[in-house]
Amino acid sequence: MNVGYIVSKVGYAFDVPSNDYGFDGQITTFRPNAEIESEYINVQLKATDGIKILDNGQISFSLDMNDINAWLENFFPVVLVVFDAQNERGYYIIIQEYFKMKPMTANETKQ
């Protein structure tokens, strides 16, 4: 999956860091007059061969709590893209929005 290509199709820029620490990419957005906006969107990519699709159409994917906490503390939006390599299909959520709508219980944070 080429996230950079998809991002560029909508008129934004996708930058990939030179090291593999932290986020896998950063989206720069632009105003209609082509000025760079002052905020970024961080992108975290996860790939798997065995994605679990639930009855309601949502996917189930395990994440490390340390990652979730770091993403939630980030000032800029964090988009998690989960790529189903077997079916060549990507799914995404905006982490901060997702956990605002669906806060974790104490039990879930231990898993």
PDB file of N, CA and C in Angstrom:
ATOM      1  N   MET A   1       0.854  -1.171   0.000  1.00  0.00           N
ATOM      2  CA  MET A   1       0.000   0.000   0.000  1.00  0.00           C
ATOM      3  C   MET A   1       0.900   1.233   0.000  1.00  0.00           C
ATOM      4  N   ASN A   2       0.638   2.138  -0.904  1.00  0.00           N
ATOM      5  CA  ASN A   2       1.448   3.337  -0.984  1.00  0.00           C
ATOM      6  C   ASN A   2       0.656   4.516  -0.423  1.00  0.00           C
ATOM      7  N   VAL A   3       0.843   4.770   0.863  1.00  0.00           N
ATOM      8  CA  VAL A   3       0.112   5.845   1.540  1.00  0.00           C
ATOM      9  C   VAL A   3       0.458   7.193   0.917  1.00  0.00           C
ATOM     10  N   GLY A   4       1.725   7.381   0.561  1.00  0.00           N
ATOM     11  CA  GLY A   4       2.147   8.639  -0.053  1.00  0.00           C
ATOM     12  C   GLY A   4       1.373   8.948  -1.322  1.00  0.00           C
ATOM     13  N   TYR A   5       1.129   7.938  -2.130  1.00  0.00           N
ATOM     14  CA  TYR A   5       0.371   8.120  -3.372  1.00  0.00           C
ATOM     15  C   TYR A   5      -1.070   8.537  -3.071  1.00  0.00           C
ATOM     16  N   ILE A   6      -1.687   7.850  -2.120  1.00  0.00           N
ATOM     17  CA  ILE A   6      -3.077   8.162  -1.757  1.00  0.00           C
ATOM     18  C   ILE A   6      -3.176   9.584  -1.216  1.00  0.00           C
ATOM     19  N   VAL A   7      -2.240   9.960  -0.346  1.00  0.00           N
ATOM     20  CA  VAL A   7      -2.236  11.306   0.246  1.00  0.00           C
ATOM     21  C   VAL A   7      -2.032  12.363  -0.836  1.00  0.00           C
ATOM     22  N   SER A   8      -1.124  12.102  -1.777  1.00  0.00           N
ATOM     23  CA  SER A   8      -0.862  13.093  -2.830  1.00  0.00           C
ATOM     24  C   SER A   8      -2.058  13.252  -3.767  1.00  0.00           C
ATOM     25  N   LYS A   9      -2.853  12.194  -3.939  1.00  0.00           N
ATOM     26  CA  LYS A   9      -4.039  12.283  -4.800  1.00  0.00           C
ATOM     27  C   LYS A   9      -5.057  13.294  -4.269  1.00  0.00           C
ATOM     28  N   VAL A  10      -5.062  13.534  -2.957  1.00  0.00           N
ATOM     29  CA  VAL A  10      -6.000  14.504  -2.395  1.00  0.00           C
ATOM     30  C   VAL A  10      -5.340  15.878  -2.204  1.00  0.00           C
ATOM     31  N   GLY A  11      -4.115  16.014  -2.689  1.00  0.00           N
ATOM     32  CA  GLY A  11      -3.462  17.316  -2.684  1.00  0.00           C
ATOM     33  C   GLY A  11      -2.612  17.640  -1.473  1.00  0.00           C
ATOM     34  N   TYR A  12      -2.249  16.646  -0.696  1.00  0.00           N
ATOM     35  CA  TYR A  12      -1.401  16.855   0.469  1.00  0.00           C
ATOM     36  C   TYR A  12      -0.035  16.219   0.225  1.00  0.00           C
ATOM     37  N   ALA A  13       0.880  16.426   1.151  1.00  0.00           N
ATOM     38  CA  ALA A  13       2.217  15.845   1.048  1.00  0.00           C
ATOM     39  C   ALA A  13       2.414  14.821   2.147  1.00  0.00           C
ATOM     40  N   PHE A  14       3.108  13.744   1.828  1.00  0.00           N
ATOM     41  CA  PHE A  14       3.415  12.691   2.792  1.00  0.00           C
ATOM     42  C   PHE A  14       4.923  12.586   2.923  1.00  0.00           C
ATOM     43  N   ASP A  15       5.422  12.825   4.124  1.00  0.00           N
ATOM     44  CA  ASP A  15       6.860  12.754   4.390  1.00  0.00           C
ATOM     45  C   ASP A  15       7.167  11.520   5.223  1.00  0.00           C
ATOM     46  N   VAL A  16       8.194  10.787   4.817  1.00  0.00           N
ATOM     47  CA  VAL A  16       8.636   9.603   5.538  1.00  0.00           C
ATOM     48  C   VAL A  16       9.930   9.944   6.261  1.00  0.00           C
ATOM     49  N   PRO A  17       9.988   9.691   7.572  1.00  0.00           N
ATOM     50  CA  PRO A  17      11.219  10.016   8.306  1.00  0.00           C
ATOM     51  C   PRO A  17      12.383   9.133   7.853  1.00  0.00           C
ATOM     52  N   SER A  18      13.594   9.635   8.041  1.00  0.00           N
ATOM     53  CA  SER A  18      14.775   8.872   7.628  1.00  0.00           C
ATOM     54  C   SER A  18      15.089   7.725   8.587  1.00  0.00           C
ATOM     55  N   ASN A  19      14.590   7.807   9.828  1.00  0.00           N
ATOM     56  CA  ASN A  19      14.810   6.705  10.770  1.00  0.00           C
ATOM     57  C   ASN A  19      13.479   6.005  11.050  1.00  0.00           C
ATOM     58  N   ASP A  20      13.557   4.885  11.702  1.00  0.00           N
ATOM     59  CA  ASP A  20      12.347   4.092  11.963  1.00  0.00           C
ATOM     60  C   ASP A  20      11.873   4.241  13.405  1.00  0.00           C
ATOM     61  N   TYR A  21      12.119   5.386  14.003  1.00  0.00           N
ATOM     62  CA  TYR A  21      11.660   5.645  15.363  1.00  0.00           C
ATOM     63  C   TYR A  21      10.412   6.500  15.290  1.00  0.00           C
ATOM     64  N   GLY A  22       9.432   6.200  16.111  1.00  0.00           N
ATOM     65  CA  GLY A  22       8.231   7.030  16.141  1.00  0.00           C
ATOM     66  C   GLY A  22       7.283   6.718  15.000  1.00  0.00           C
ATOM     67  N   PHE A  23       6.759   7.752  14.403  1.00  0.00           N
ATOM     68  CA  PHE A  23       5.732   7.596  13.371  1.00  0.00           C
ATOM     69  C   PHE A  23       6.334   7.183  12.034  1.00  0.00           C
ATOM     70  N   ASP A  24       5.506   6.519  11.229  1.00  0.00           N
ATOM     71  CA  ASP A  24       5.960   6.054   9.920  1.00  0.00           C
ATOM     72  C   ASP A  24       5.856   7.131   8.857  1.00  0.00           C
ATOM     73  N   GLY A  25       5.140   8.198   9.162  1.00  0.00           N
ATOM     74  CA  GLY A  25       5.010   9.287   8.207  1.00  0.00           C
ATOM     75  C   GLY A  25       4.260  10.452   8.801  1.00  0.00           C
ATOM     76  N   GLN A  26       4.288  11.548   8.059  1.00  0.00           N
ATOM     77  CA  GLN A  26       3.609  12.761   8.499  1.00  0.00           C
ATOM     78  C   GLN A  26       2.968  13.415   7.281  1.00  0.00           C
ATOM     79  N   ILE A  27       1.700  13.751   7.418  1.00  0.00           N
ATOM     80  CA  ILE A  27       0.966  14.405   6.339  1.00  0.00           C
ATOM     81  C   ILE A  27       0.988  15.901   6.579  1.00  0.00           C
ATOM     82  N   THR A  28       1.357  16.633   5.550  1.00  0.00           N
ATOM     83  CA  THR A  28       1.289  18.089   5.573  1.00  0.00           C
ATOM     84  C   THR A  28       0.068  18.491   4.764  1.00  0.00           C
ATOM     85  N   THR A  29      -0.792  19.292   5.356  1.00  0.00           N
ATOM     86  CA  THR A  29      -2.005  19.737   4.660  1.00  0.00           C
ATOM     87  C   THR A  29      -1.823  21.178   4.190  1.00  0.00           C
ATOM     88  N   PHE A  30      -2.628  21.549   3.206  1.00  0.00           N
ATOM     89  CA  PHE A  30      -2.523  22.866   2.596  1.00  0.00           C
ATOM     90  C   PHE A  30      -3.882  23.548   2.557  1.00  0.00           C
ATOM     91  N   ARG A  31      -3.862  24.868   2.652  1.00  0.00           N
ATOM     92  CA  ARG A  31      -5.074  25.666   2.475  1.00  0.00           C
ATOM     93  C   ARG A  31      -5.405  25.717   0.984  1.00  0.00           C
ATOM     94  N   PRO A  32      -6.631  26.146   0.633  1.00  0.00           N
ATOM     95  CA  PRO A  32      -6.998  26.219  -0.787  1.00  0.00           C
ATOM     96  C   PRO A  32      -6.051  27.103  -1.619  1.00  0.00           C
ATOM     97  N   ASN A  33      -5.401  28.092  -0.996  1.00  0.00           N
ATOM     98  CA  ASN A  33      -4.483  28.955  -1.752  1.00  0.00           C
ATOM     99  C   ASN A  33      -3.069  28.366  -1.804  1.00  0.00           C
ATOM    100  N   ALA A  34      -2.902  27.099  -1.428  1.00  0.00           N
ATOM    101  CA  ALA A  34      -1.650  26.347  -1.467  1.00  0.00           C
ATOM    102  C   ALA A  34      -0.689  26.688  -0.333  1.00  0.00           C
ATOM    103  N   GLU A  35      -1.107  27.498   0.642  1.00  0.00           N
ATOM    104  CA  GLU A  35      -0.267  27.745   1.814  1.00  0.00           C
ATOM    105  C   GLU A  35      -0.269  26.509   2.708  1.00  0.00           C
ATOM    106  N   ILE A  36       0.889  26.219   3.286  1.00  0.00           N
ATOM    107  CA  ILE A  36       0.983  25.102   4.222  1.00  0.00           C
ATOM    108  C   ILE A  36       0.225  25.453   5.498  1.00  0.00           C
ATOM    109  N   GLU A  37      -0.593  24.514   5.979  1.00  0.00           N
ATOM    110  CA  GLU A  37      -1.267  24.719   7.256  1.00  0.00           C
ATOM    111  C   GLU A  37      -0.262  24.470   8.377  1.00  0.00           C
ATOM    112  N   SER A  38      -0.537  25.007   9.539  1.00  0.00           N
ATOM    113  CA  SER A  38       0.432  24.955  10.633  1.00  0.00           C
ATOM    114  C   SER A  38       0.389  23.659  11.432  1.00  0.00           C
ATOM    115  N   GLU A  39      -0.470  22.744  11.069  1.00  0.00           N
ATOM    116  CA  GLU A  39      -0.559  21.482  11.794  1.00  0.00           C
ATOM    117  C   GLU A  39      -0.208  20.318  10.870  1.00  0.00           C
ATOM    118  N   TYR A  40       0.100  19.192  11.479  1.00  0.00           N
ATOM    119  CA  TYR A  40       0.431  17.977  10.743  1.00  0.00           C
ATOM    120  C   TYR A  40      -0.489  16.857  11.180  1.00  0.00           C
ATOM    121  N   ILE A  41      -0.485  15.794  10.416  1.00  0.00           N
ATOM    122  CA  ILE A  41      -1.183  14.572  10.793  1.00  0.00           C
ATOM    123  C   ILE A  41      -0.128  13.474  10.817  1.00  0.00           C
ATOM    124  N   ASN A  42       0.054  12.859  11.965  1.00  0.00           N
ATOM    125  CA  ASN A  42       1.018  11.765  12.089  1.00  0.00           C
ATOM    126  C   ASN A  42       0.367  10.468  11.653  1.00  0.00           C
ATOM    127  N   VAL A  43       1.154   9.612  11.003  1.00  0.00           N
ATOM    128  CA  VAL A  43       0.634   8.355  10.477  1.00  0.00           C
ATOM    129  C   VAL A  43       1.443   7.195  11.044  1.00  0.00           C
ATOM    130  N   GLN A  44       0.717   6.208  11.574  1.00  0.00           N
ATOM    131  CA  GLN A  44       1.336   4.973  12.059  1.00  0.00           C
ATOM    132  C   GLN A  44       0.793   3.827  11.220  1.00  0.00           C
ATOM    133  N   LEU A  45       1.670   3.078  10.579  1.00  0.00           N
ATOM    134  CA  LEU A  45       1.266   1.975   9.711  1.00  0.00           C
ATOM    135  C   LEU A  45       1.508   0.641  10.415  1.00  0.00           C
ATOM    136  N   LYS A  46       0.541  -0.251  10.309  1.00  0.00           N
ATOM    137  CA  LYS A  46       0.672  -1.608  10.831  1.00  0.00           C
ATOM    138  C   LYS A  46       0.172  -2.553   9.742  1.00  0.00           C
ATOM    139  N   ALA A  47       0.923  -3.591   9.470  1.00  0.00           N
ATOM    140  CA  ALA A  47       0.524  -4.564   8.453  1.00  0.00           C
ATOM    141  C   ALA A  47       0.380  -5.936   9.091  1.00  0.00           C
ATOM    142  N   THR A  48      -0.526  -6.718   8.549  1.00  0.00           N
ATOM    143  CA  THR A  48      -0.765  -8.065   9.055  1.00  0.00           C
ATOM    144  C   THR A  48      -1.262  -8.955   7.923  1.00  0.00           C
ATOM    145  N   ASP A  49      -1.006 -10.255   8.057  1.00  0.00           N
ATOM    146  CA  ASP A  49      -1.531 -11.221   7.089  1.00  0.00           C
ATOM    147  C   ASP A  49      -2.858 -11.804   7.541  1.00  0.00           C
ATOM    148  N   GLY A  50      -3.160 -11.683   8.825  1.00  0.00           N
ATOM    149  CA  GLY A  50      -4.367 -12.315   9.347  1.00  0.00           C
ATOM    150  C   GLY A  50      -5.245 -11.339  10.096  1.00  0.00           C
ATOM    151  N   ILE A  51      -5.945 -10.504   9.379  1.00  0.00           N
ATOM    152  CA  ILE A  51      -6.801  -9.514  10.026  1.00  0.00           C
ATOM    153  C   ILE A  51      -8.136 -10.172  10.399  1.00  0.00           C
ATOM    154  N   LYS A  52      -8.667  -9.788  11.542  1.00  0.00           N
ATOM    155  CA  LYS A  52      -9.942 -10.348  11.997  1.00  0.00           C
ATOM    156  C   LYS A  52     -11.033  -9.309  11.744  1.00  0.00           C
ATOM    157  N   ILE A  53     -12.015  -9.684  10.927  1.00  0.00           N
ATOM    158  CA  ILE A  53     -13.151  -8.802  10.652  1.00  0.00           C
ATOM    159  C   ILE A  53     -14.334  -9.284  11.469  1.00  0.00           C
ATOM    160  N   LEU A  54     -14.880  -8.388  12.281  1.00  0.00           N
ATOM    161  CA  LEU A  54     -15.987  -8.726  13.175  1.00  0.00           C
ATOM    162  C   LEU A  54     -17.309  -8.737  12.418  1.00  0.00           C
ATOM    163  N   ASP A  55     -18.359  -9.263  13.044  1.00  0.00           N
ATOM    164  CA  ASP A  55     -19.678  -9.342  12.422  1.00  0.00           C
ATOM    165  C   ASP A  55     -20.224  -7.974  12.025  1.00  0.00           C
ATOM    166  N   ASN A  56     -19.840  -6.927  12.774  1.00  0.00           N
ATOM    167  CA  ASN A  56     -20.349  -5.586  12.472  1.00  0.00           C
ATOM    168  C   ASN A  56     -19.520  -4.871  11.398  1.00  0.00           C
ATOM    169  N   GLY A  57     -18.540  -5.579  10.803  1.00  0.00           N
ATOM    170  CA  GLY A  57     -17.726  -5.001   9.737  1.00  0.00           C
ATOM    171  C   GLY A  57     -16.459  -4.315  10.223  1.00  0.00           C
ATOM    172  N   GLN A  58     -16.325  -4.137  11.536  1.00  0.00           N
ATOM    173  CA  GLN A  58     -15.117  -3.536  12.075  1.00  0.00           C
ATOM    174  C   GLN A  58     -14.010  -4.575  12.119  1.00  0.00           C
ATOM    175  N   ILE A  59     -12.770  -4.083  12.254  1.00  0.00           N
ATOM    176  CA  ILE A  59     -11.655  -5.006  12.363  1.00  0.00           C
ATOM    177  C   ILE A  59     -11.192  -5.081  13.811  1.00  0.00           C
ATOM    178  N   SER A  60     -10.530  -6.175  14.141  1.00  0.00           N
ATOM    179  CA  SER A  60      -9.945  -6.354  15.461  1.00  0.00           C
ATOM    180  C   SER A  60      -8.443  -6.493  15.260  1.00  0.00           C
ATOM    181  N   PHE A  61      -7.692  -5.681  16.009  1.00  0.00           N
ATOM    182  CA  PHE A  61      -6.242  -5.662  15.837  1.00  0.00           C
ATOM    183  C   PHE A  61      -5.605  -5.322  17.174  1.00  0.00           C
ATOM    184  N   SER A  62      -4.639  -6.101  17.604  1.00  0.00           N
ATOM    185  CA  SER A  62      -3.989  -5.865  18.898  1.00  0.00           C
ATOM    186  C   SER A  62      -2.947  -4.762  18.790  1.00  0.00           C
ATOM    187  N   LEU A  63      -2.915  -3.908  19.815  1.00  0.00           N
ATOM    188  CA  LEU A  63      -1.941  -2.817  19.886  1.00  0.00           C
ATOM    189  C   LEU A  63      -1.312  -2.797  21.262  1.00  0.00           C
ATOM    190  N   ASP A  64      -0.118  -2.303  21.339  1.00  0.00           N
ATOM    191  CA  ASP A  64       0.587  -2.169  22.604  1.00  0.00           C
ATOM    192  C   ASP A  64       0.048  -0.941  23.346  1.00  0.00           C
ATOM    193  N   MET A  65      -0.236  -1.086  24.641  1.00  0.00           N
ATOM    194  CA  MET A  65      -0.766   0.037  25.437  1.00  0.00           C
ATOM    195  C   MET A  65       0.190   1.226  25.462  1.00  0.00           C
ATOM    196  N   ASN A  66       1.494   0.966  25.474  1.00  0.00           N
ATOM    197  CA  ASN A  66       2.458   2.067  25.460  1.00  0.00           C
ATOM    198  C   ASN A  66       2.309   2.904  24.193  1.00  0.00           C
ATOM    199  N   ASP A  67       2.060   2.236  23.058  1.00  0.00           N
ATOM    200  CA  ASP A  67       1.846   2.958  21.795  1.00  0.00           C
ATOM    201  C   ASP A  67       0.568   3.787  21.864  1.00  0.00           C
ATOM    202  N   ILE A  68      -0.501   3.163  22.332  1.00  0.00           N
ATOM    203  CA  ILE A  68      -1.789   3.873  22.426  1.00  0.00           C
ATOM    204  C   ILE A  68      -1.651   5.114  23.300  1.00  0.00           C
ATOM    205  N   ASN A  69      -1.033   4.963  24.462  1.00  0.00           N
ATOM    206  CA  ASN A  69      -0.858   6.109  25.359  1.00  0.00           C
ATOM    207  C   ASN A  69      -0.026   7.211  24.721  1.00  0.00           C
ATOM    208  N   ALA A  70       1.040   6.840  24.027  1.00  0.00           N
ATOM    209  CA  ALA A  70       1.879   7.843  23.361  1.00  0.00           C
ATOM    210  C   ALA A  70       1.097   8.559  22.267  1.00  0.00           C
ATOM    211  N   TRP A  71       0.298   7.823  21.510  1.00  0.00           N
ATOM    212  CA  TRP A  71      -0.493   8.440  20.444  1.00  0.00           C
ATOM    213  C   TRP A  71      -1.542   9.386  21.019  1.00  0.00           C
ATOM    214  N   LEU A  72      -2.179   8.968  22.127  1.00  0.00           N
ATOM    215  CA  LEU A  72      -3.208   9.810  22.738  1.00  0.00           C
ATOM    216  C   LEU A  72      -2.629  11.101  23.317  1.00  0.00           C
ATOM    217  N   GLU A  73      -1.378  11.074  23.734  1.00  0.00           N
ATOM    218  CA  GLU A  73      -0.734  12.261  24.292  1.00  0.00           C
ATOM    219  C   GLU A  73      -0.196  13.194  23.217  1.00  0.00           C
ATOM    220  N   ASN A  74      -0.199  12.750  21.965  1.00  0.00           N
ATOM    221  CA  ASN A  74       0.360  13.557  20.890  1.00  0.00           C
ATOM    222  C   ASN A  74      -0.512  14.771  20.614  1.00  0.00           C
ATOM    223  N   PHE A  75       0.116  15.908  20.405  1.00  0.00           N
ATOM    224  CA  PHE A  75      -0.610  17.148  20.139  1.00  0.00           C
ATOM    225  C   PHE A  75      -1.338  17.094  18.795  1.00  0.00           C
ATOM    226  N   PHE A  76      -0.679  16.529  17.791  1.00  0.00           N
ATOM    227  CA  PHE A  76      -1.272  16.447  16.453  1.00  0.00           C
ATOM    228  C   PHE A  76      -2.070  15.159  16.306  1.00  0.00           C
ATOM    229  N   PRO A  77      -3.051  15.143  15.392  1.00  0.00           N
ATOM    230  CA  PRO A  77      -3.820  13.919  15.170  1.00  0.00           C
ATOM    231  C   PRO A  77      -2.910  12.769  14.752  1.00  0.00           C
ATOM    232  N   VAL A  78      -3.268  11.565  15.188  1.00  0.00           N
ATOM    233  CA  VAL A  78      -2.552  10.356  14.806  1.00  0.00           C
ATOM    234  C   VAL A  78      -3.523   9.454  14.060  1.00  0.00           C
ATOM    235  N   VAL A  79      -3.174   9.115  12.826  1.00  0.00           N
ATOM    236  CA  VAL A  79      -3.971   8.196  12.025  1.00  0.00           C
ATOM    237  C   VAL A  79      -3.284   6.842  12.048  1.00  0.00           C
ATOM    238  N   LEU A  80      -4.017   5.836  12.500  1.00  0.00           N
ATOM    239  CA  LEU A  80      -3.519   4.466  12.471  1.00  0.00           C
ATOM    240  C   LEU A  80      -4.071   3.799  11.211  1.00  0.00           C
ATOM    241  N   VAL A  81      -3.167   3.300  10.378  1.00  0.00           N
ATOM    242  CA  VAL A  81      -3.560   2.578   9.170  1.00  0.00           C
ATOM    243  C   VAL A  81      -3.161   1.123   9.363  1.00  0.00           C
ATOM    244  N   VAL A  82      -4.150   0.233   9.337  1.00  0.00           N
ATOM    245  CA  VAL A  82      -3.901  -1.202   9.444  1.00  0.00           C
ATOM    246  C   VAL A  82      -4.096  -1.782   8.051  1.00  0.00           C
ATOM    247  N   PHE A  83      -3.039  -2.411   7.548  1.00  0.00           N
ATOM    248  CA  PHE A  83      -3.062  -2.954   6.194  1.00  0.00           C
ATOM    249  C   PHE A  83      -3.190  -4.467   6.239  1.00  0.00           C
ATOM    250  N   ASP A  84      -4.233  -4.965   5.604  1.00  0.00           N
ATOM    251  CA  ASP A  84      -4.463  -6.401   5.467  1.00  0.00           C
ATOM    252  C   ASP A  84      -3.709  -6.845   4.216  1.00  0.00           C
ATOM    253  N   ALA A  85      -2.501  -7.367   4.405  1.00  0.00           N
ATOM    254  CA  ALA A  85      -1.635  -7.717   3.278  1.00  0.00           C
ATOM    255  C   ALA A  85      -2.223  -8.834   2.421  1.00  0.00           C
ATOM    256  N   GLN A  86      -2.929  -9.750   3.048  1.00  0.00           N
ATOM    257  CA  GLN A  86      -3.491 -10.880   2.321  1.00  0.00           C
ATOM    258  C   GLN A  86      -4.539 -10.416   1.297  1.00  0.00           C
ATOM    259  N   ASN A  87      -5.360  -9.441   1.684  1.00  0.00           N
ATOM    260  CA  ASN A  87      -6.421  -8.953   0.797  1.00  0.00           C
ATOM    261  C   ASN A  87      -6.097  -7.601   0.171  1.00  0.00           C
ATOM    262  N   GLU A  88      -4.902  -7.078   0.465  1.00  0.00           N
ATOM    263  CA  GLU A  88      -4.457  -5.789  -0.060  1.00  0.00           C
ATOM    264  C   GLU A  88      -5.491  -4.693   0.170  1.00  0.00           C
ATOM    265  N   ARG A  89      -5.862  -4.551   1.440  1.00  0.00           N
ATOM    266  CA  ARG A  89      -6.867  -3.556   1.816  1.00  0.00           C
ATOM    267  C   ARG A  89      -6.425  -2.857   3.097  1.00  0.00           C
ATOM    268  N   GLY A  90      -6.595  -1.548   3.149  1.00  0.00           N
ATOM    269  CA  GLY A  90      -6.220  -0.785   4.325  1.00  0.00           C
ATOM    270  C   GLY A  90      -7.436  -0.254   5.067  1.00  0.00           C
ATOM    271  N   TYR A  91      -7.300  -0.147   6.367  1.00  0.00           N
ATOM    272  CA  TYR A  91      -8.331   0.408   7.241  1.00  0.00           C
ATOM    273  C   TYR A  91      -7.665   1.483   8.089  1.00  0.00           C
ATOM    274  N   TYR A  92      -8.399   2.537   8.399  1.00  0.00           N
ATOM    275  CA  TYR A  92      -7.772   3.578   9.217  1.00  0.00           C
ATOM    276  C   TYR A  92      -8.741   4.143  10.242  1.00  0.00           C
ATOM    277  N   ILE A  93      -8.160   4.673  11.318  1.00  0.00           N
ATOM    278  CA  ILE A  93      -8.917   5.435  12.306  1.00  0.00           C
ATOM    279  C   ILE A  93      -8.035   6.598  12.763  1.00  0.00           C
ATOM    280  N   ILE A  94      -8.679   7.631  13.245  1.00  0.00           N
ATOM    281  CA  ILE A  94      -7.968   8.722  13.903  1.00  0.00           C
ATOM    282  C   ILE A  94      -7.988   8.369  15.385  1.00  0.00           C
ATOM    283  N   ILE A  95      -6.822   8.070  15.920  1.00  0.00           N
ATOM    284  CA  ILE A  95      -6.710   7.524  17.274  1.00  0.00           C
ATOM    285  C   ILE A  95      -7.432   8.378  18.318  1.00  0.00           C
ATOM    286  N   GLN A  96      -7.150   9.664  18.349  1.00  0.00           N
ATOM    287  CA  GLN A  96      -7.731  10.523  19.389  1.00  0.00           C
ATOM    288  C   GLN A  96      -9.257  10.543  19.299  1.00  0.00           C
ATOM    289  N   GLU A  97      -9.806  10.619  18.105  1.00  0.00           N
ATOM    290  CA  GLU A  97     -11.273  10.624  17.943  1.00  0.00           C
ATOM    291  C   GLU A  97     -11.875   9.287  18.356  1.00  0.00           C
ATOM    292  N   TYR A  98     -11.213   8.197  17.979  1.00  0.00           N
ATOM    293  CA  TYR A  98     -11.725   6.867  18.312  1.00  0.00           C
ATOM    294  C   TYR A  98     -11.834   6.688  19.820  1.00  0.00           C
ATOM    295  N   PHE A  99     -10.786   7.047  20.555  1.00  0.00           N
ATOM    296  CA  PHE A  99     -10.801   6.810  22.000  1.00  0.00           C
ATOM    297  C   PHE A  99     -11.622   7.853  22.763  1.00  0.00           C
ATOM    298  N   LYS A 100     -11.950   8.971  22.138  1.00  0.00           N
ATOM    299  CA  LYS A 100     -12.922   9.897  22.739  1.00  0.00           C
ATOM    300  C   LYS A 100     -14.307   9.277  22.706  1.00  0.00           C
ATOM    301  N   MET A 101     -14.628   8.616  21.591  1.00  0.00           N
ATOM    302  CA  MET A 101     -15.946   7.992  21.427  1.00  0.00           C
ATOM    303  C   MET A 101     -16.042   6.663  22.165  1.00  0.00           C
ATOM    304  N   LYS A 102     -14.927   5.995  22.345  1.00  0.00           N
ATOM    305  CA  LYS A 102     -14.924   4.661  22.957  1.00  0.00           C
ATOM    306  C   LYS A 102     -13.798   4.572  23.982  1.00  0.00           C
ATOM    307  N   PRO A 103     -13.973   5.218  25.145  1.00  0.00           N
ATOM    308  CA  PRO A 103     -12.923   5.158  26.175  1.00  0.00           C
ATOM    309  C   PRO A 103     -12.702   3.722  26.643  1.00  0.00           C
ATOM    310  N   MET A 104     -11.462   3.430  26.998  1.00  0.00           N
ATOM    311  CA  MET A 104     -11.128   2.091  27.474  1.00  0.00           C
ATOM    312  C   MET A 104     -11.465   1.958  28.955  1.00  0.00           C
ATOM    313  N   THR A 105     -11.874   0.752  29.327  1.00  0.00           N
ATOM    314  CA  THR A 105     -12.098   0.450  30.735  1.00  0.00           C
ATOM    315  C   THR A 105     -10.765   0.009  31.343  1.00  0.00           C
ATOM    316  N   ALA A 106     -10.695  -0.036  32.650  1.00  0.00           N
ATOM    317  CA  ALA A 106      -9.476  -0.480  33.331  1.00  0.00           C
ATOM    318  C   ALA A 106      -9.096  -1.894  32.894  1.00  0.00           C
ATOM    319  N   ASN A 107     -10.088  -2.741  32.686  1.00  0.00           N
ATOM    320  CA  ASN A 107      -9.841  -4.109  32.251  1.00  0.00           C
ATOM    321  C   ASN A 107      -9.190  -4.143  30.870  1.00  0.00           C
ATOM    322  N   GLU A 108      -9.653  -3.309  29.963  1.00  0.00           N
ATOM    323  CA  GLU A 108      -9.126  -3.285  28.610  1.00  0.00           C
ATOM    324  C   GLU A 108      -7.684  -2.773  28.576  1.00  0.00           C
ATOM    325  N   THR A 109      -7.341  -1.901  29.481  1.00  0.00           N
ATOM    326  CA  THR A 109      -5.975  -1.356  29.473  1.00  0.00           C
ATOM    327  C   THR A 109      -4.946  -2.384  29.908  1.00  0.00           C
ATOM    328  N   LYS A 110      -5.387  -3.468  30.547  1.00  0.00           N
ATOM    329  CA  LYS A 110      -4.459  -4.514  30.984  1.00  0.00           C
ATOM    330  C   LYS A 110      -4.200  -5.539  29.902  1.00  0.00           C
ATOM    331  N   GLN A 111      -5.002  -5.535  28.857  1.00  0.00           N
ATOM    332  CA  GLN A 111      -4.862  -6.543  27.793  1.00  0.00           C
ATOM    333  C   GLN A 111      -3.771  -6.187  26.841  1.00  0.00           C
TER     334      GLN A 111
END
